[in-house]
Amino acid sequence: MGRHDGRAAAPRAPWYARAGRAALRWLGRAALGALAGGVVLGATLWAGTSWEAARALGAAAAVLVVAATALAATLPPVPEPSTTTDDRPGTRLPGSRGDG
């Protein structure tokens, strides 16, 4: 259970592999931010906003998206659903059968 399960930990990857994975992760976040910033820039220019305002809004959107993706990466994974079929009274959450 946890760190006391008796299994040996997998060896750490070499530093260059870890650095490469981190660089690719941040490159993907930056690309998504650039795409979002470009869309906001284009949409605000199309709507008739000045170049300076559209550029500021696009840059703000790009920074916000990069920060949001970095923050989202810190969330824990979603737990696996339970595989038990315990149907005793009091073992189901309210509304889990669709009855309310």
Protein backbone atom coordinates (compact mmCIF):
# COMPACT_ATOMS: atom_id res chain seq x y z
CA MET A 1 0.00 0.00 0.00
CA GLY A 2 1.53 3.31 -1.01
CA ARG A 3 5.25 3.56 -0.54
CA HIS A 4 5.28 0.48 1.71
CA ASP A 5 4.07 -2.01 -0.89
CA GLY A 6 7.44 -3.77 -1.04
CA ARG A 7 8.07 -3.21 -4.74
CA ALA A 8 11.21 -1.44 -5.83
CA ALA A 9 10.68 1.96 -7.37
CA ALA A 10 11.34 2.30 -11.08
CA PRO A 11 14.66 4.03 -11.79
CA ARG A 12 14.48 7.69 -12.72
CA ALA A 13 14.81 8.52 -16.38
CA PRO A 14 18.05 10.25 -17.43
CA TRP A 15 18.13 14.03 -17.01
CA TYR A 16 17.98 14.67 -20.74
CA ALA A 17 14.82 12.56 -21.10
CA ARG A 18 13.13 14.42 -18.24
CA ALA A 19 14.24 17.78 -19.66
CA GLY A 20 12.97 16.82 -23.12
CA ARG A 21 9.57 15.80 -21.75
CA ALA A 22 9.30 19.04 -19.79
CA ALA A 23 10.28 21.08 -22.86
CA LEU A 24 7.66 19.32 -24.98
CA ARG A 25 5.04 19.87 -22.30
CA TRP A 26 5.76 23.60 -22.17
CA LEU A 27 5.99 23.80 -25.95
CA GLY A 28 2.49 22.36 -26.22
CA ARG A 29 1.17 24.81 -23.64
CA ALA A 30 2.83 27.71 -25.47
CA ALA A 31 1.42 26.55 -28.81
CA LEU A 32 -2.09 26.37 -27.35
CA GLY A 33 -1.63 29.83 -25.84
CA ALA A 34 -0.41 31.23 -29.16
CA LEU A 35 -3.40 29.72 -30.95
CA ALA A 36 -5.81 31.21 -28.40
CA GLY A 37 -4.07 34.58 -28.57
CA GLY A 38 -4.19 34.56 -32.36
CA VAL A 39 -7.90 33.75 -32.38
CA VAL A 40 -8.63 36.54 -29.89
CA LEU A 41 -6.47 38.95 -31.89
CA GLY A 42 -8.24 38.09 -35.13
CA ALA A 43 -11.70 38.19 -33.61
CA THR A 44 -11.18 41.54 -31.93
CA LEU A 45 -9.66 43.06 -35.06
CA TRP A 46 -12.57 41.73 -37.10
CA ALA A 47 -14.96 43.29 -34.59
CA GLY A 48 -13.39 46.70 -35.20
CA THR A 49 -11.15 47.06 -32.14
CA SER A 50 -7.96 49.08 -32.50
CA TRP A 51 -4.70 47.25 -33.19
CA GLU A 52 -3.26 48.13 -29.76
CA ALA A 53 -6.32 46.89 -27.86
CA ALA A 54 -6.61 43.74 -29.97
CA ARG A 55 -2.92 42.98 -29.45
CA ALA A 56 -3.24 43.48 -25.67
CA LEU A 57 -6.31 41.23 -25.51
CA GLY A 58 -4.62 38.57 -27.60
CA ALA A 59 -1.53 38.62 -25.40
CA ALA A 60 -3.67 38.44 -22.27
CA ALA A 61 -5.56 35.46 -23.65
CA ALA A 62 -2.31 33.69 -24.55
CA VAL A 63 -0.85 34.21 -21.06
CA LEU A 64 -4.10 33.13 -19.42
CA VAL A 65 -4.29 29.92 -21.45
CA VAL A 66 -0.67 28.99 -20.70
CA ALA A 67 -1.21 29.66 -16.98
CA ALA A 68 -4.46 27.67 -16.97
CA THR A 69 -2.88 24.66 -18.66
CA ALA A 70 0.04 24.73 -16.23
CA LEU A 71 -2.37 24.93 -13.29
CA ALA A 72 -4.53 22.14 -14.70
CA ALA A 73 -1.49 19.88 -14.85
CA THR A 74 -1.24 20.01 -11.06
CA LEU A 75 -4.65 18.40 -10.49
CA PRO A 76 -4.74 14.79 -9.33
CA PRO A 77 -6.04 12.17 -11.76
CA VAL A 78 -9.71 11.22 -11.68
CA PRO A 79 -10.23 8.16 -9.47
CA GLU A 80 -11.26 4.92 -11.10
CA PRO A 81 -14.94 4.00 -10.61
CA SER A 82 -15.66 1.33 -8.05
CA THR A 83 -16.07 -2.18 -9.45
CA THR A 84 -17.94 -3.58 -6.45
CA THR A 85 -21.63 -4.35 -6.76
CA ASP A 86 -22.67 -3.87 -3.14
CA ASP A 87 -26.46 -3.36 -3.23
CA ARG A 88 -27.14 -3.40 0.51
CA PRO A 89 -29.28 -0.53 1.84
CA GLY A 90 -27.28 2.62 2.36
CA THR A 91 -24.49 1.72 -0.07
CA ARG A 92 -25.65 3.86 -3.01
CA LEU A 93 -25.39 7.59 -3.33
CA PRO A 94 -28.69 9.48 -3.62
CA GLY A 95 -29.74 9.67 -7.23
CA SER A 96 -27.34 7.00 -8.44
CA ARG A 97 -30.25 4.89 -9.76
CA GLY A 98 -31.86 7.83 -11.48
CA ASP A 99 -34.71 7.96 -8.94
CA GLY A 100 -34.03 11.38 -7.58
